[in-house]
Protein backbone atom coordinates (compact mmCIF):
# COMPACT_ATOMS: atom_id res chain seq x y z
CA MET A 1 0.00 0.00 0.00
CA ARG A 2 2.88 2.35 0.70
CA LEU A 3 4.12 1.91 -2.84
CA TYR A 4 0.89 3.39 -4.20
CA ARG A 5 1.38 6.58 -2.22
CA LYS A 6 4.54 7.40 -4.19
CA TYR A 7 2.65 7.79 -7.44
CA PRO A 8 -0.06 10.36 -8.14
CA GLU A 9 -3.55 9.14 -8.88
CA VAL A 10 -4.61 9.11 -12.52
CA PRO A 11 -7.07 11.93 -13.21
CA ASP A 12 -10.63 10.90 -14.02
CA ARG A 13 -10.57 12.93 -17.22
CA TRP A 14 -8.04 10.45 -18.68
CA TYR A 15 -10.59 7.66 -18.36
CA LEU A 16 -13.29 9.88 -19.87
CA ILE A 17 -11.06 10.85 -22.80
CA LEU A 18 -10.10 7.23 -23.42
CA PHE A 19 -13.75 6.15 -23.25
CA LEU A 20 -14.90 8.83 -25.72
CA LEU A 21 -11.98 8.10 -28.08
CA MET A 22 -12.76 4.37 -28.15
CA MET A 23 -16.48 5.00 -28.69
CA ALA A 24 -15.69 7.36 -31.59
CA LEU A 25 -13.23 4.92 -33.14
CA SER A 26 -15.75 2.11 -32.85
CA ILE A 27 -18.42 4.13 -34.61
CA VAL A 28 -15.95 5.04 -37.35
CA VAL A 29 -15.14 1.34 -37.82
CA CYS A 30 -18.84 0.51 -38.02
CA GLU A 31 -19.35 3.14 -40.70
CA ALA A 32 -16.10 2.74 -42.66
CA TRP A 33 -16.14 -1.06 -43.06
CA ASP A 34 -18.94 -3.36 -44.15
CA THR A 35 -19.85 -4.65 -40.70
CA ARG A 36 -23.64 -4.60 -41.32
CA LEU A 37 -23.92 -2.78 -38.00
CA PRO A 38 -25.16 0.81 -38.11
CA TRP A 39 -23.73 3.39 -35.73
CA TRP A 40 -26.92 3.42 -33.64
CA GLY A 41 -26.77 -0.39 -33.41
CA PHE A 42 -23.32 -0.09 -31.86
CA LEU A 43 -24.67 2.37 -29.29
CA VAL A 44 -27.47 -0.07 -28.45
CA THR A 45 -24.90 -2.85 -27.94
CA GLN A 46 -23.15 -0.64 -25.44
CA LEU A 47 -26.38 0.27 -23.71
CA ILE A 48 -27.55 -3.33 -23.15
CA PRO A 49 -24.88 -4.26 -20.55
CA PHE A 50 -25.40 -0.92 -18.83
CA ILE A 51 -29.11 -1.68 -18.41
CA PHE A 52 -28.88 -5.40 -17.53
CA THR A 53 -25.90 -5.36 -15.14
CA LEU A 54 -27.85 -4.33 -12.04
CA PRO A 55 -30.88 -6.66 -12.44
CA ILE A 56 -28.67 -9.65 -13.31
CA GLY A 57 -26.40 -8.85 -10.38
CA ILE A 58 -29.35 -8.68 -8.00
CA VAL A 59 -30.74 -12.03 -9.21
CA GLN A 60 -27.30 -13.64 -8.93
CA ALA A 61 -26.71 -12.20 -5.44
CA ILE A 62 -30.04 -13.48 -4.16
CA THR A 63 -30.25 -16.88 -5.89
CA ASN A 64 -26.63 -17.66 -6.83
CA VAL A 65 -27.86 -18.33 -10.38
CA GLN A 66 -26.29 -16.44 -13.24
CA ILE A 67 -28.66 -15.50 -16.03
CA GLY A 68 -27.29 -15.59 -19.58
CA VAL A 69 -28.13 -12.55 -21.64
CA LEU A 70 -27.17 -14.08 -25.00
CA ILE A 71 -30.71 -14.92 -26.06
CA VAL A 72 -31.93 -11.46 -25.08
CA ASN A 73 -29.09 -9.83 -27.01
CA VAL A 74 -29.62 -11.90 -30.14
CA GLY A 75 -33.36 -11.43 -30.00
CA LEU A 76 -33.03 -7.70 -29.58
CA TYR A 77 -30.63 -7.55 -32.50
CA GLN A 78 -33.11 -9.53 -34.58
CA VAL A 79 -35.91 -7.14 -33.76
CA LEU A 80 -33.80 -4.05 -34.37
CA MET A 81 -32.31 -5.22 -37.64
CA SER A 82 -35.51 -6.96 -38.84
CA SER A 83 -33.54 -9.80 -40.31
CA LEU A 84 -34.50 -13.28 -39.22
CA SER A 85 -32.24 -14.90 -41.81
CA LEU A 86 -29.18 -13.08 -40.46
CA TRP A 87 -30.04 -14.26 -36.92
CA LEU A 88 -30.44 -17.85 -38.08
CA ASP A 89 -27.14 -17.70 -39.96
CA THR A 90 -25.13 -16.33 -37.06
CA CYS A 91 -26.62 -18.36 -34.21
CA SER A 92 -28.01 -21.84 -34.31
CA LEU A 93 -30.62 -22.99 -31.82
CA ALA A 94 -28.27 -25.66 -30.47
CA ASP A 95 -25.65 -23.04 -29.55
CA LEU A 96 -28.24 -20.96 -27.74
CA LEU A 97 -29.56 -23.91 -25.74
CA GLN A 98 -26.07 -24.96 -24.61
CA THR A 99 -25.38 -21.70 -22.78
């Protein structure tokens, strides 16, 4: 613990700058390459864990059962992108049932 006192704490703005830079670069990648993911779809993928972390954590803390969010994520992507064939190509039912 004494070793930590010798070094100054990293300012919070460094984390904010790094976060904003990575978000911007990710959106640029989504738009520049053919990823079939629009920029708003990327923002939704970042919003899903933010929303589900607390409820899943509460359920796991109370019941000691971890809930998988894969089916919710894939289903939400299917609804947002309105492409059932893409969902069936990327995820098989057997893979979803194994998790």
